[in-house]
N, C-alpha and C. Protein backbone atom coordinates (compact mmCIF):
# COMPACT_ATOMS: atom_id res chain seq x y z
N GLY A 1 -18.53 -77.58 40.09
CA GLY A 1 -18.81 -77.06 38.78
C GLY A 1 -17.85 -75.88 38.46
N LEU A 2 -18.02 -75.35 37.33
CA LEU A 2 -17.26 -74.21 36.85
C LEU A 2 -17.83 -72.92 37.39
N HIS A 3 -16.97 -71.96 37.63
CA HIS A 3 -17.34 -70.66 38.07
C HIS A 3 -16.81 -69.60 37.10
N VAL A 4 -17.47 -68.50 37.05
CA VAL A 4 -17.05 -67.35 36.23
C VAL A 4 -16.56 -66.23 37.13
N ASP A 5 -15.30 -65.95 37.07
CA ASP A 5 -14.68 -64.91 37.86
C ASP A 5 -14.41 -63.73 36.94
N LEU A 6 -14.82 -62.54 37.30
CA LEU A 6 -14.65 -61.35 36.45
C LEU A 6 -14.05 -60.22 37.22
N SER A 7 -13.14 -59.49 36.58
CA SER A 7 -12.60 -58.28 37.10
C SER A 7 -12.72 -57.21 36.04
N ILE A 8 -13.19 -56.00 36.40
CA ILE A 8 -13.38 -54.89 35.49
C ILE A 8 -12.59 -53.73 36.05
N SER A 9 -11.77 -53.15 35.19
CA SER A 9 -11.04 -51.93 35.58
C SER A 9 -11.02 -51.02 34.34
N GLY A 10 -11.34 -49.75 34.55
CA GLY A 10 -11.37 -48.85 33.40
C GLY A 10 -11.39 -47.39 33.97
N CYS A 11 -11.16 -46.47 33.06
CA CYS A 11 -11.15 -45.10 33.45
C CYS A 11 -11.50 -44.15 32.30
N SER A 12 -11.87 -42.93 32.62
CA SER A 12 -11.99 -41.84 31.67
C SER A 12 -11.37 -40.62 32.37
N ASP A 13 -11.48 -39.48 31.69
CA ASP A 13 -10.92 -38.30 32.33
C ASP A 13 -11.58 -37.94 33.63
N SER A 14 -12.84 -38.32 33.80
CA SER A 14 -13.63 -37.85 34.98
C SER A 14 -14.18 -39.02 35.83
N ASP A 15 -14.00 -40.30 35.45
CA ASP A 15 -14.60 -41.36 36.17
C ASP A 15 -13.67 -42.60 36.11
N GLY A 16 -13.98 -43.56 36.99
CA GLY A 16 -13.25 -44.75 36.94
C GLY A 16 -14.07 -45.93 37.56
N GLU A 17 -13.61 -47.14 37.24
CA GLU A 17 -14.31 -48.34 37.76
C GLU A 17 -13.35 -49.39 38.08
N MET A 18 -13.51 -50.08 39.23
CA MET A 18 -12.75 -51.21 39.61
C MET A 18 -13.75 -52.19 40.32
N MET A 19 -13.97 -53.35 39.82
CA MET A 19 -14.98 -54.25 40.34
C MET A 19 -14.56 -55.70 40.17
N TYR A 20 -14.87 -56.55 41.16
CA TYR A 20 -14.69 -57.99 41.12
C TYR A 20 -16.00 -58.68 41.26
N SER A 21 -16.26 -59.72 40.49
CA SER A 21 -17.49 -60.49 40.66
C SER A 21 -17.24 -61.99 40.50
N LEU A 22 -18.14 -62.76 41.01
CA LEU A 22 -18.06 -64.21 40.87
C LEU A 22 -19.46 -64.74 40.51
N ASP A 23 -19.54 -65.45 39.45
CA ASP A 23 -20.79 -65.97 38.95
C ASP A 23 -21.90 -64.94 38.82
N GLY A 24 -21.51 -63.76 38.35
CA GLY A 24 -22.50 -62.69 38.14
C GLY A 24 -22.89 -61.88 39.34
N GLU A 25 -22.25 -62.20 40.48
CA GLU A 25 -22.56 -61.47 41.76
C GLU A 25 -21.39 -60.62 42.10
N GLU A 26 -21.61 -59.35 42.36
CA GLU A 26 -20.58 -58.44 42.69
C GLU A 26 -19.99 -58.78 44.07
N LYS A 27 -18.63 -58.96 44.10
CA LYS A 27 -18.00 -59.35 45.40
C LYS A 27 -17.38 -58.11 46.07
N TRP A 28 -16.84 -57.17 45.21
CA TRP A 28 -16.15 -56.00 45.76
C TRP A 28 -16.07 -54.95 44.70
N PHE A 29 -16.22 -53.67 45.04
CA PHE A 29 -15.93 -52.59 44.08
C PHE A 29 -15.31 -51.43 44.83
N ALA A 30 -14.63 -50.57 44.07
CA ALA A 30 -13.99 -49.38 44.63
C ALA A 30 -14.98 -48.24 44.51
N ASP A 31 -15.29 -47.61 45.59
CA ASP A 31 -16.20 -46.42 45.57
C ASP A 31 -15.27 -45.21 45.66
N PHE A 32 -14.93 -44.66 44.45
CA PHE A 32 -14.01 -43.57 44.36
C PHE A 32 -14.61 -42.25 44.90
N ILE A 33 -15.90 -42.14 44.99
CA ILE A 33 -16.53 -40.92 45.50
C ILE A 33 -16.38 -40.85 47.01
N ASN A 34 -16.60 -41.99 47.71
CA ASN A 34 -16.53 -42.03 49.16
C ASN A 34 -15.20 -42.58 49.64
N HIS A 35 -14.24 -42.80 48.75
CA HIS A 35 -12.89 -43.19 49.05
C HIS A 35 -12.77 -44.46 49.95
N ARG A 36 -13.40 -45.57 49.45
CA ARG A 36 -13.41 -46.83 50.21
C ARG A 36 -13.74 -48.02 49.27
N GLY A 37 -13.33 -49.15 49.72
CA GLY A 37 -13.75 -50.40 49.04
C GLY A 37 -15.12 -50.86 49.61
N VAL A 38 -15.97 -51.37 48.77
CA VAL A 38 -17.31 -51.78 49.21
C VAL A 38 -17.49 -53.28 48.98
N ASP A 39 -17.96 -53.91 50.05
CA ASP A 39 -18.30 -55.37 49.99
C ASP A 39 -19.81 -55.45 49.99
N PRO A 40 -20.48 -55.61 48.85
CA PRO A 40 -21.94 -55.51 48.76
C PRO A 40 -22.68 -56.79 49.15
N GLN A 41 -22.01 -57.77 49.70
CA GLN A 41 -22.67 -58.99 49.98
C GLN A 41 -23.61 -58.87 51.20
N PRO A 42 -24.68 -59.61 51.20
CA PRO A 42 -25.65 -59.50 52.33
C PRO A 42 -25.04 -59.97 53.64
N SER A 43 -25.56 -59.53 54.73
CA SER A 43 -25.03 -59.75 56.04
C SER A 43 -25.19 -61.26 56.53
N PHE A 44 -26.13 -61.98 55.93
CA PHE A 44 -26.35 -63.37 56.39
C PHE A 44 -25.40 -64.36 55.81
N MET A 45 -24.51 -63.97 54.93
CA MET A 45 -23.59 -64.92 54.37
C MET A 45 -22.14 -64.70 54.84
N ASN A 46 -21.31 -65.70 54.71
CA ASN A 46 -19.91 -65.57 55.06
C ASN A 46 -19.25 -64.68 54.00
N HIS A 47 -18.65 -63.62 54.44
CA HIS A 47 -18.05 -62.64 53.51
C HIS A 47 -16.63 -63.03 53.15
N PHE A 48 -16.34 -62.87 51.89
CA PHE A 48 -14.98 -63.03 51.43
C PHE A 48 -14.37 -61.62 51.54
N ARG A 49 -13.29 -61.50 52.22
CA ARG A 49 -12.65 -60.14 52.43
C ARG A 49 -11.43 -60.08 51.52
N TYR A 50 -11.28 -58.90 50.89
CA TYR A 50 -10.05 -58.65 50.11
C TYR A 50 -9.00 -58.14 51.03
N VAL A 51 -7.78 -58.33 50.66
CA VAL A 51 -6.60 -57.99 51.50
C VAL A 51 -6.57 -56.47 51.78
N GLU A 52 -5.99 -56.13 52.85
CA GLU A 52 -5.76 -54.71 53.20
C GLU A 52 -5.05 -54.03 52.08
N GLY A 53 -5.51 -52.86 51.68
CA GLY A 53 -4.81 -52.12 50.58
C GLY A 53 -5.46 -52.29 49.23
N ALA A 54 -6.59 -53.06 49.14
CA ALA A 54 -7.19 -53.29 47.80
C ALA A 54 -7.72 -51.95 47.30
N TYR A 55 -8.27 -51.09 48.10
CA TYR A 55 -8.80 -49.82 47.61
C TYR A 55 -7.58 -48.94 47.14
N GLU A 56 -6.55 -48.91 47.95
CA GLU A 56 -5.41 -48.12 47.55
C GLU A 56 -4.78 -48.57 46.27
N GLN A 57 -4.79 -49.87 46.02
CA GLN A 57 -4.29 -50.42 44.74
C GLN A 57 -5.19 -50.03 43.59
N ALA A 58 -6.48 -50.00 43.86
CA ALA A 58 -7.45 -49.56 42.78
C ALA A 58 -7.22 -48.11 42.45
N VAL A 59 -6.91 -47.23 43.42
CA VAL A 59 -6.64 -45.83 43.19
C VAL A 59 -5.37 -45.74 42.33
N ALA A 60 -4.31 -46.47 42.68
CA ALA A 60 -3.09 -46.42 41.91
C ALA A 60 -3.32 -46.93 40.46
N ASN A 61 -4.16 -47.95 40.29
CA ASN A 61 -4.46 -48.45 38.97
C ASN A 61 -5.21 -47.40 38.14
N GLN A 62 -6.05 -46.60 38.83
CA GLN A 62 -6.75 -45.54 38.09
C GLN A 62 -5.77 -44.47 37.60
N GLN A 63 -4.76 -44.11 38.39
CA GLN A 63 -3.76 -43.16 37.98
C GLN A 63 -2.97 -43.67 36.77
N ILE A 64 -2.63 -44.97 36.81
CA ILE A 64 -1.93 -45.57 35.64
C ILE A 64 -2.83 -45.57 34.43
N CYS A 65 -4.11 -45.93 34.60
CA CYS A 65 -5.02 -45.92 33.48
C CYS A 65 -5.15 -44.54 32.86
N ARG A 66 -5.25 -43.51 33.67
CA ARG A 66 -5.39 -42.16 33.14
C ARG A 66 -4.11 -41.71 32.42
N SER A 67 -2.97 -42.14 32.93
CA SER A 67 -1.67 -41.81 32.26
C SER A 67 -1.62 -42.48 30.96
N ASN A 68 -2.00 -43.83 30.87
CA ASN A 68 -2.08 -44.55 29.63
C ASN A 68 -3.04 -43.94 28.65
N LEU A 69 -4.20 -43.47 29.11
CA LEU A 69 -5.16 -42.81 28.28
C LEU A 69 -4.61 -41.55 27.68
N LYS A 70 -3.91 -40.74 28.46
CA LYS A 70 -3.30 -39.53 27.98
C LYS A 70 -2.22 -39.88 26.95
N ASN A 71 -1.39 -40.85 27.19
CA ASN A 71 -0.34 -41.26 26.21
C ASN A 71 -0.96 -41.72 24.94
N SER A 72 -2.04 -42.45 24.96
CA SER A 72 -2.72 -42.95 23.78
C SER A 72 -3.27 -41.82 22.97
N ARG A 73 -3.83 -40.83 23.59
CA ARG A 73 -4.33 -39.65 22.89
C ARG A 73 -3.23 -38.87 22.20
N VAL A 74 -2.07 -38.72 22.87
CA VAL A 74 -0.91 -38.06 22.30
C VAL A 74 -0.43 -38.83 21.07
N GLY A 75 -0.31 -40.18 21.28
CA GLY A 75 0.21 -41.02 20.23
C GLY A 75 -0.69 -41.09 18.98
N MET A 76 -2.01 -40.98 19.22
CA MET A 76 -3.01 -41.10 18.14
C MET A 76 -3.35 -39.76 17.49
N LYS A 77 -2.74 -38.69 17.91
CA LYS A 77 -3.11 -37.37 17.55
C LYS A 77 -3.07 -37.13 16.02
N ASP A 78 -2.09 -37.60 15.36
CA ASP A 78 -1.94 -37.29 13.92
C ASP A 78 -2.39 -38.47 13.04
N ILE A 79 -3.00 -39.49 13.59
CA ILE A 79 -3.45 -40.61 12.82
C ILE A 79 -4.83 -40.27 12.20
N PRO A 80 -5.03 -40.35 10.91
CA PRO A 80 -6.31 -40.00 10.29
C PRO A 80 -7.40 -40.98 10.72
N LEU A 81 -8.63 -40.56 10.76
CA LEU A 81 -9.72 -41.39 11.09
C LEU A 81 -9.98 -42.42 10.05
N GLU A 82 -9.73 -42.13 8.79
CA GLU A 82 -9.91 -43.11 7.70
C GLU A 82 -8.67 -43.13 6.82
N ASN A 83 -8.42 -44.29 6.23
CA ASN A 83 -7.27 -44.39 5.30
C ASN A 83 -7.66 -43.87 3.94
């Protein structure tokens, strides 16, 4: 059958998110507070492992996201809220 694969990545000035899921079940997420990738699958199942460096890539993506957020704010500074 068909499966639904989802990846979420986002940031704000003070927070960030990076998560992968399959069919509504979380497969992996970046825990930026504890500085590690988390595999939340139960111990009784075969775990799918992400490649070495997945957490480090999530950290790099957060830095890019925050830089893009800053650039967007600068670029939108003088645009009026309404026409």
